[in-house]
């Protein structure tokens, strides 16, 4: 069995390290990388919007302390969203440099 890489997502197994998931074989790995990066941005945007709505709802219900705590969670979520957006830009830029990678 190969050595485990430094970071492996929870749903990855040694058999799938560095491979395109089953069912995605028809799509090139470059297209898959873009699609995955786009999905990460979309999911992060949804999480930020949902958290902002939770904070607003708590505020409207008069739960100021809880609303403040919910807003505190927005900062790291926004940072994660910005990282995902930056990653998408990088992946798209690499496709122009290395189109068949």
Protein backbone atom coordinates (compact mmCIF):
# COMPACT_ATOMS: atom_id res chain seq x y z
CA UNK A 1 0.00 0.00 0.00
CA UNK A 2 1.43 3.43 -0.91
CA UNK A 3 2.34 5.96 1.73
CA UNK A 4 -0.54 8.15 2.71
CA UNK A 5 -0.23 11.73 1.34
CA UNK A 6 -0.12 14.60 3.85
CA UNK A 7 -3.82 15.41 3.33
CA UNK A 8 -6.53 13.01 2.23
CA UNK A 9 -10.18 14.05 2.21
CA UNK A 10 -12.44 11.86 4.35
CA UNK A 11 -14.08 10.31 1.29
CA UNK A 12 -10.79 9.38 -0.39
CA UNK A 13 -9.24 5.95 -0.30
CA UNK A 14 -5.76 4.87 -1.38
CA UNK A 15 -7.36 3.52 -4.56
CA UNK A 16 -8.71 6.96 -5.53
CA UNK A 17 -5.82 9.23 -4.58
CA UNK A 18 -5.14 11.57 -7.45
CA UNK A 19 -7.79 10.04 -9.69
CA UNK A 20 -11.00 11.35 -11.21
CA UNK A 21 -13.99 9.87 -9.36
CA UNK A 22 -15.98 7.06 -10.94
CA UNK A 23 -18.51 8.32 -13.45
CA UNK A 24 -16.35 11.32 -14.30
CA UNK A 25 -13.98 9.45 -16.61
CA UNK A 26 -15.55 10.86 -19.78
CA UNK A 27 -14.67 14.37 -18.66
CA UNK A 28 -11.02 15.40 -18.93
CA UNK A 29 -9.19 15.98 -15.70
CA UNK A 30 -8.79 19.69 -16.55
CA UNK A 31 -12.53 20.05 -17.00
CA UNK A 32 -13.07 18.12 -13.80
CA UNK A 33 -10.70 20.44 -11.91
CA UNK A 34 -12.63 23.50 -13.11
CA UNK A 35 -15.98 21.91 -12.31
CA UNK A 36 -14.79 20.96 -8.84
CA UNK A 37 -13.40 24.44 -8.15
CA UNK A 38 -16.66 26.01 -9.38
CA UNK A 39 -18.65 23.69 -7.11
CA UNK A 40 -16.51 24.68 -4.13
CA UNK A 41 -17.19 28.37 -4.83
CA UNK A 42 -20.92 27.74 -5.19
CA UNK A 43 -21.10 25.72 -1.98
CA UNK A 44 -19.10 28.32 -0.04
CA UNK A 45 -21.37 31.11 -1.33
CA UNK A 46 -24.41 29.14 -0.19
CA UNK A 47 -22.90 28.59 3.27
CA UNK A 48 -22.05 32.28 3.67
CA UNK A 49 -25.56 33.31 2.59
CA UNK A 50 -27.16 30.76 4.93
CA UNK A 51 -25.02 31.90 7.87
CA UNK A 52 -25.83 35.57 7.17
CA UNK A 53 -29.54 34.69 7.11
CA UNK A 54 -29.21 32.87 10.43
CA UNK A 55 -27.50 35.90 11.98
CA UNK A 56 -30.19 38.22 10.63
CA UNK A 57 -32.95 35.95 11.90
CA UNK A 58 -31.44 35.81 15.37
CA UNK A 59 -31.10 39.59 15.37
CA UNK A 60 -34.73 40.06 14.35
CA UNK A 61 -35.82 37.64 17.08
CA UNK A 62 -34.00 39.72 19.68
CA UNK A 63 -31.19 37.27 20.30
CA UNK A 64 -28.37 39.79 20.06
CA UNK A 65 -25.66 37.67 21.66
CA UNK A 66 -26.44 34.66 19.47
CA UNK A 67 -26.59 36.91 16.39
CA UNK A 68 -23.15 38.27 17.24
CA UNK A 69 -21.80 34.74 17.59
CA UNK A 70 -23.35 33.77 14.25
CA UNK A 71 -21.75 36.83 12.62
CA UNK A 72 -18.37 35.85 14.09
CA UNK A 73 -18.64 32.62 12.13
CA UNK A 74 -19.08 34.59 8.92
CA UNK A 75 -15.48 35.84 8.90
CA UNK A 76 -13.77 32.44 8.53
CA UNK A 77 -16.50 31.35 6.12
CA UNK A 78 -15.88 34.44 3.99
CA UNK A 79 -12.14 33.73 4.07
CA UNK A 80 -12.84 30.19 2.86
CA UNK A 81 -15.03 31.58 0.09
CA UNK A 82 -12.27 33.97 -0.99
CA UNK A 83 -9.77 31.09 -1.04
CA UNK A 84 -12.15 29.02 -3.18
CA UNK A 85 -12.60 31.94 -5.59
CA UNK A 86 -8.83 32.43 -5.82
CA UNK A 87 -8.35 28.73 -6.46
CA UNK A 88 -10.89 28.85 -9.29
CA UNK A 89 -9.01 31.74 -10.90
CA UNK A 90 -5.75 29.78 -10.63
CA UNK A 91 -7.25 26.60 -12.09
CA UNK A 92 -8.75 28.52 -15.02
CA UNK A 93 -5.46 30.35 -15.61
CA UNK A 94 -3.52 27.08 -15.61
CA UNK A 95 -5.82 25.71 -18.27
CA UNK A 96 -4.69 28.51 -20.58
CA UNK A 97 -1.05 27.69 -19.89
CA UNK A 98 -1.41 23.90 -19.78
CA UNK A 99 -4.62 23.14 -21.75
CA UNK A 100 -4.10 19.36 -21.88
CA UNK A 101 -2.91 18.91 -18.31
